[in-house]
Amino acid sequence: MRAPVLDPTGKGPWDTRQRVLVAYFTHITRACAGVVFSSVSLVRELIEKASTKTGLKVTADILDGAYEAGRTVTRDACASLNIEYDSTLPSWNYSIHSRSAI
């Protein structure tokens, strides 16, 4: 499951959505409590079963691709990215802007 990198300062452009998703993780945890994960589809069903009192629901997509472990990005590739690091926890909080903004 993919989750957004959260900005603990609350200054990020996705702040409202991040707060909603963080609050929703507790509901997913409750839906999964005591369940033995026997398949990926079971985990997906549990995630989609969770909801809040206000009616928030999240859909889950299973990515079937095979991802090679241990791949690294070259220094040249990193240098070509337009990355803006936040002053608070810069290794966790950053924005990648389009190359046209360079």
Protein backbone atom coordinates (compact mmCIF):
# COMPACT_ATOMS: atom_id res chain seq x y z
CA MET A 1 0.00 0.00 0.00
CA ARG A 2 1.33 3.43 -0.84
CA ALA A 3 0.89 6.34 1.53
CA PRO A 4 1.84 9.97 1.13
CA VAL A 5 4.93 11.37 2.80
CA LEU A 6 3.45 13.53 5.51
CA ASP A 7 4.49 17.04 6.44
CA PRO A 8 4.48 17.19 10.27
CA THR A 9 4.46 21.02 10.19
CA GLY A 10 1.12 21.12 8.37
CA LYS A 11 2.49 23.56 5.79
CA GLY A 12 2.29 21.26 2.77
CA PRO A 13 -0.11 21.75 -0.14
CA TRP A 14 -1.76 18.38 0.57
CA ASP A 15 -2.26 19.11 4.27
CA THR A 16 -6.04 18.52 4.39
CA ARG A 17 -5.86 15.25 2.45
CA GLN A 18 -2.92 14.07 4.53
CA ARG A 19 -4.80 14.67 7.78
CA VAL A 20 -7.80 12.76 6.46
CA LEU A 21 -5.64 9.81 5.40
CA VAL A 22 -3.74 9.74 8.69
CA ALA A 23 -7.02 9.70 10.59
CA TYR A 24 -8.29 6.94 8.31
CA PHE A 25 -5.33 4.63 9.04
CA THR A 26 -6.74 3.98 12.53
CA HIS A 27 -9.95 2.69 10.95
CA ILE A 28 -7.97 0.40 8.64
CA THR A 29 -6.01 -0.88 11.64
CA ARG A 30 -9.26 -1.69 13.46
CA ALA A 31 -10.69 -3.46 10.41
CA CYS A 32 -7.56 -5.63 10.23
CA ALA A 33 -7.32 -6.37 13.95
CA GLY A 34 -7.01 -10.07 14.71
CA VAL A 35 -7.09 -11.12 11.06
CA VAL A 36 -4.41 -13.38 9.63
CA PHE A 37 -3.45 -12.00 6.24
CA SER A 38 -3.75 -15.03 4.01
CA SER A 39 -3.87 -13.18 0.69
CA VAL A 40 -3.41 -9.77 -0.85
CA SER A 41 -7.06 -9.72 -1.89
CA LEU A 42 -8.10 -10.23 1.76
CA VAL A 43 -6.05 -7.19 2.80
CA ARG A 44 -7.64 -5.16 0.01
CA GLU A 45 -11.14 -6.21 1.15
CA LEU A 46 -10.35 -5.21 4.75
CA ILE A 47 -9.02 -1.81 3.68
CA GLU A 48 -12.09 -1.15 1.54
CA LYS A 49 -14.42 -2.36 4.32
CA ALA A 50 -13.15 0.29 6.73
CA SER A 51 -15.11 3.54 6.93
CA THR A 52 -15.53 6.51 9.25
CA LYS A 53 -18.65 7.82 10.99
CA THR A 54 -18.79 10.62 8.43
CA GLY A 55 -18.84 8.11 5.57
CA LEU A 56 -15.27 8.38 4.30
CA LYS A 57 -14.24 5.33 2.29
CA VAL A 58 -10.99 4.56 0.52
CA THR A 59 -10.46 2.28 -2.44
CA ALA A 60 -7.36 0.13 -2.73
CA ASP A 61 -5.65 -0.95 -5.92
CA ILE A 62 -3.27 -3.89 -6.09
CA LEU A 63 -0.21 -3.24 -8.22
CA ASP A 64 0.73 -6.54 -9.84
CA GLY A 65 4.06 -5.36 -11.21
CA ALA A 66 7.33 -6.94 -10.18
CA TYR A 67 9.66 -4.40 -8.64
CA GLU A 68 13.35 -5.10 -8.64
CA ALA A 69 14.83 -4.75 -5.16
CA GLY A 70 18.00 -2.79 -4.56
CA ARG A 71 17.74 -0.45 -7.54
CA THR A 72 19.31 2.93 -6.96
CA VAL A 73 19.06 6.23 -8.76
CA THR A 74 22.27 7.53 -10.29
CA ARG A 75 23.74 10.80 -9.07
CA ASP A 76 23.20 12.29 -12.54
CA ALA A 77 19.51 11.35 -12.47
CA CYS A 78 19.12 12.90 -9.00
CA ALA A 79 20.96 16.03 -10.08
CA SER A 80 18.56 16.47 -13.00
CA LEU A 81 15.51 16.57 -10.70
CA ASN A 82 14.11 19.86 -9.46
CA ILE A 83 13.85 18.95 -5.76
CA GLU A 84 12.92 21.51 -3.11
CA TYR A 85 13.76 20.28 0.40
CA ASP A 86 11.77 21.53 3.38
CA SER A 87 13.64 22.99 6.35
CA THR A 88 11.91 20.53 8.70
CA LEU A 89 13.12 16.95 8.21
CA PRO A 90 14.34 17.54 4.65
CA SER A 91 15.02 13.84 4.03
CA TRP A 92 11.30 13.17 4.63
CA ASN A 93 9.71 16.39 3.40
CA TYR A 94 10.41 17.55 -0.10
CA SER A 95 8.67 18.50 -3.31
CA ILE A 96 9.69 17.43 -6.79
CA HIS A 97 8.76 20.06 -9.35
CA SER A 98 8.55 19.64 -13.10
CA ARG A 99 11.78 20.04 -15.03
CA SER A 100 10.29 23.00 -16.89
CA ALA A 101 10.35 24.89 -13.57
CA ILE A 102 14.15 24.56 -13.35
